Amino acid sequence: MLLIKAIIRPEKTTAVITELLAAGYPALTKVDVYGRGKQKGIVLNDVHYDELPKEMLLIVCEDEDRDDIVSVIIRAARTGEGHFGDGRIFALPVENAWTISTGKEGL
């Protein structure tokens, strides 16, 4: 199992979630986050914005679903070729998962 962490622009959240649902991946957690990337924030009209609002989507999936989920997120979250601030995706191993209501182990 893997945990996919996708940090994306807030205005792209609805599109990404809609596309994940259409692709058969309905389960996720959404968290409001703030941060900056390699560009160290942005400057607009002489004002430096050090930390920008983003959304983080957390998706636990089977290993074989990783590439499909990542491509759906990239396609739906991208604003254009080479634009800074579109986000990042991380894939981390998950040792196990349990459903609280049933106590069932696994996805």
C-alpha atoms as a PDB file:
ATOM      1  CA  MET A   1       0.000   0.000   0.000  1.00  0.00           C
ATOM      2  CA  LEU A   2       1.019   3.586  -0.599  1.00  0.00           C
ATOM      3  CA  LEU A   3       0.062   6.999   0.730  1.00  0.00           C
ATOM      4  CA  ILE A   4      -0.129   9.564  -2.057  1.00  0.00           C
ATOM      5  CA  LYS A   5       0.282  13.145  -0.776  1.00  0.00           C
ATOM      6  CA  ALA A   6      -0.640  15.720  -3.394  1.00  0.00           C
ATOM      7  CA  ILE A   7      -0.129  19.406  -2.595  1.00  0.00           C
ATOM      8  CA  ILE A   8      -2.047  21.445  -5.153  1.00  0.00           C
ATOM      9  CA  ARG A   9      -3.452  24.912  -5.829  1.00  0.00           C
ATOM     10  CA  PRO A  10      -6.766  25.487  -3.999  1.00  0.00           C
ATOM     11  CA  GLU A  11      -8.542  26.466  -7.214  1.00  0.00           C
ATOM     12  CA  LYS A  12      -7.671  23.053  -8.714  1.00  0.00           C
ATOM     13  CA  THR A  13      -9.034  20.980  -5.821  1.00  0.00           C
ATOM     14  CA  THR A  14     -12.533  20.460  -7.210  1.00  0.00           C
ATOM     15  CA  ALA A  15     -11.211  19.432 -10.634  1.00  0.00           C
ATOM     16  CA  VAL A  16      -8.728  16.963  -9.128  1.00  0.00           C
ATOM     17  CA  ILE A  17     -11.318  15.401  -6.806  1.00  0.00           C
ATOM     18  CA  THR A  18     -13.846  15.139  -9.660  1.00  0.00           C
ATOM     19  CA  GLU A  19     -11.299  13.450 -11.934  1.00  0.00           C
ATOM     20  CA  LEU A  20     -10.185  11.028  -9.193  1.00  0.00           C
ATOM     21  CA  LEU A  21     -13.819  10.063  -8.573  1.00  0.00           C
ATOM     22  CA  ALA A  22     -14.409   9.540 -12.314  1.00  0.00           C
ATOM     23  CA  ALA A  23     -11.288   7.355 -12.487  1.00  0.00           C
ATOM     24  CA  GLY A  24     -12.571   5.158  -9.656  1.00  0.00           C
ATOM     25  CA  TYR A  25     -10.668   6.635  -6.704  1.00  0.00           C
ATOM     26  CA  PRO A  26     -13.324   8.176  -4.426  1.00  0.00           C
ATOM     27  CA  ALA A  27     -11.553   7.852  -1.050  1.00  0.00           C
ATOM     28  CA  LEU A  28      -9.363  10.759   0.045  1.00  0.00           C
ATOM     29  CA  THR A  29      -8.710  13.263   2.797  1.00  0.00           C
ATOM     30  CA  LYS A  30      -8.378  16.998   2.093  1.00  0.00           C
ATOM     31  CA  VAL A  31      -6.338  19.326   4.323  1.00  0.00           C
ATOM     32  CA  ASP A  32      -5.809  23.092   4.047  1.00  0.00           C
ATOM     33  CA  VAL A  33      -2.054  23.783   4.213  1.00  0.00           C
ATOM     34  CA  TYR A  34       0.321  26.710   3.759  1.00  0.00           C
ATOM     35  CA  GLY A  35       3.847  26.618   2.414  1.00  0.00           C
ATOM     36  CA  ARG A  36       6.265  27.489  -0.323  1.00  0.00           C
ATOM     37  CA  GLY A  37       8.211  25.662  -2.970  1.00  0.00           C
ATOM     38  CA  LYS A  38      11.587  26.091  -4.603  1.00  0.00           C
ATOM     39  CA  GLN A  39      10.710  29.620  -5.688  1.00  0.00           C
ATOM     40  CA  LYS A  40      10.556  30.687  -1.983  1.00  0.00           C
ATOM     41  CA  GLY A  41       7.157  32.371  -2.279  1.00  0.00           C
ATOM     42  CA  ILE A  42       6.090  35.026  -4.773  1.00  0.00           C
ATOM     43  CA  VAL A  43       6.372  38.790  -5.173  1.00  0.00           C
ATOM     44  CA  LEU A  44       3.330  40.744  -6.369  1.00  0.00           C
ATOM     45  CA  ASN A  45       3.333  44.550  -6.502  1.00  0.00           C
ATOM     46  CA  ASP A  46       6.395  44.775  -4.226  1.00  0.00           C
ATOM     47  CA  VAL A  47       4.799  42.494  -1.618  1.00  0.00           C
ATOM     48  CA  HIS A  48       6.542  39.201  -0.832  1.00  0.00           C
ATOM     49  CA  TYR A  49       4.187  36.325  -0.039  1.00  0.00           C
ATOM     50  CA  ASP A  50       6.345  33.805   1.791  1.00  0.00           C
ATOM     51  CA  GLU A  51       3.734  31.141   2.483  1.00  0.00           C
ATOM     52  CA  LEU A  52       0.909  30.437   0.058  1.00  0.00           C
ATOM     53  CA  PRO A  53      -2.370  28.586   0.651  1.00  0.00           C
ATOM     54  CA  LYS A  54      -2.515  25.106  -0.850  1.00  0.00           C
ATOM     55  CA  GLU A  55      -4.624  21.971  -0.456  1.00  0.00           C
ATOM     56  CA  MET A  56      -3.151  18.604   0.431  1.00  0.00           C
ATOM     57  CA  LEU A  57      -4.960  15.484  -0.732  1.00  0.00           C
ATOM     58  CA  LEU A  58      -4.126  12.225   1.039  1.00  0.00           C
ATOM     59  CA  ILE A  59      -4.961   9.011  -0.791  1.00  0.00           C
ATOM     60  CA  VAL A  60      -4.107   5.502   0.397  1.00  0.00           C
ATOM     61  CA  CYS A  61      -3.988   3.060  -2.503  1.00  0.00           C
ATOM     62  CA  GLU A  62      -2.647  -0.257  -3.691  1.00  0.00           C
ATOM     63  CA  ASP A  63       0.840  -0.076  -5.221  1.00  0.00           C
ATOM     64  CA  GLU A  64      -0.450  -0.891  -8.710  1.00  0.00           C
ATOM     65  CA  ASP A  65      -2.809   2.146  -8.666  1.00  0.00           C
ATOM     66  CA  ARG A  66      -0.020   4.667  -8.033  1.00  0.00           C
ATOM     67  CA  ASP A  67       0.795   5.619 -11.628  1.00  0.00           C
ATOM     68  CA  ASP A  68      -2.862   6.015 -12.587  1.00  0.00           C
ATOM     69  CA  ILE A  69      -3.639   8.211  -9.566  1.00  0.00           C
ATOM     70  CA  VAL A  70      -0.539  10.351 -10.101  1.00  0.00           C
ATOM     71  CA  SER A  71      -1.344  10.907 -13.788  1.00  0.00           C
ATOM     72  CA  VAL A  72      -4.952  11.878 -12.944  1.00  0.00           C
ATOM     73  CA  ILE A  73      -3.721  14.410 -10.383  1.00  0.00           C
ATOM     74  CA  ILE A  74      -1.108  15.885 -12.741  1.00  0.00           C
ATOM     75  CA  ARG A  75      -3.596  16.183 -15.598  1.00  0.00           C
ATOM     76  CA  ALA A  76      -6.259  17.867 -13.443  1.00  0.00           C
ATOM     77  CA  ALA A  77      -3.963  20.077 -11.328  1.00  0.00           C
ATOM     78  CA  ARG A  78      -1.595  21.449 -13.978  1.00  0.00           C
ATOM     79  CA  THR A  79      -2.147  25.089 -14.945  1.00  0.00           C
ATOM     80  CA  GLY A  80       0.259  25.076 -17.874  1.00  0.00           C
ATOM     81  CA  GLU A  81       3.677  23.858 -18.899  1.00  0.00           C
ATOM     82  CA  GLY A  82       6.394  25.147 -16.592  1.00  0.00           C
ATOM     83  CA  HIS A  83       4.252  27.237 -14.243  1.00  0.00           C
ATOM     84  CA  PHE A  84       5.632  27.469 -10.725  1.00  0.00           C
ATOM     85  CA  GLY A  85       3.334  26.665  -7.831  1.00  0.00           C
ATOM     86  CA  ASP A  86       1.230  23.893  -9.365  1.00  0.00           C
ATOM     87  CA  GLY A  87       2.295  21.596  -6.541  1.00  0.00           C
ATOM     88  CA  ARG A  88       4.057  18.342  -5.706  1.00  0.00           C
ATOM     89  CA  ILE A  89       3.100  14.697  -5.343  1.00  0.00           C
ATOM     90  CA  PHE A  90       4.760  12.303  -2.918  1.00  0.00           C
ATOM     91  CA  ALA A  91       4.294   8.522  -2.618  1.00  0.00           C
ATOM     92  CA  LEU A  92       5.120   6.900   0.719  1.00  0.00           C
ATOM     93  CA  PRO A  93       4.862   3.283   1.833  1.00  0.00           C
ATOM     94  CA  VAL A  94       2.010   2.360   4.185  1.00  0.00           C
ATOM     95  CA  GLU A  95       2.569  -0.662   6.391  1.00  0.00           C
ATOM     96  CA  ASN A  96      -1.107  -1.348   7.074  1.00  0.00           C
ATOM     97  CA  ALA A  97      -4.570   0.177   7.533  1.00  0.00           C
ATOM     98  CA  TRP A  98      -7.601  -0.610   9.678  1.00  0.00           C
ATOM     99  CA  THR A  99     -11.220   0.472   9.336  1.00  0.00           C
ATOM    100  CA  ILE A 100     -12.251   1.834  12.722  1.00  0.00           C
ATOM    101  CA  SER A 101     -15.969   0.926  12.488  1.00  0.00           C
ATOM    102  CA  THR A 102     -15.329  -2.734  11.652  1.00  0.00           C
ATOM    103  CA  GLY A 103     -11.793  -3.317  12.883  1.00  0.00           C
ATOM    104  CA  LYS A 104     -11.080  -4.826   9.459  1.00  0.00           C
ATOM    105  CA  GLU A 105      -7.426  -4.811   8.420  1.00  0.00           C
ATOM    106  CA  GLY A 106      -6.324  -3.682   4.928  1.00  0.00           C
ATOM    107  CA  LEU A 107      -7.919  -1.472   2.322  1.00  0.00           C
END
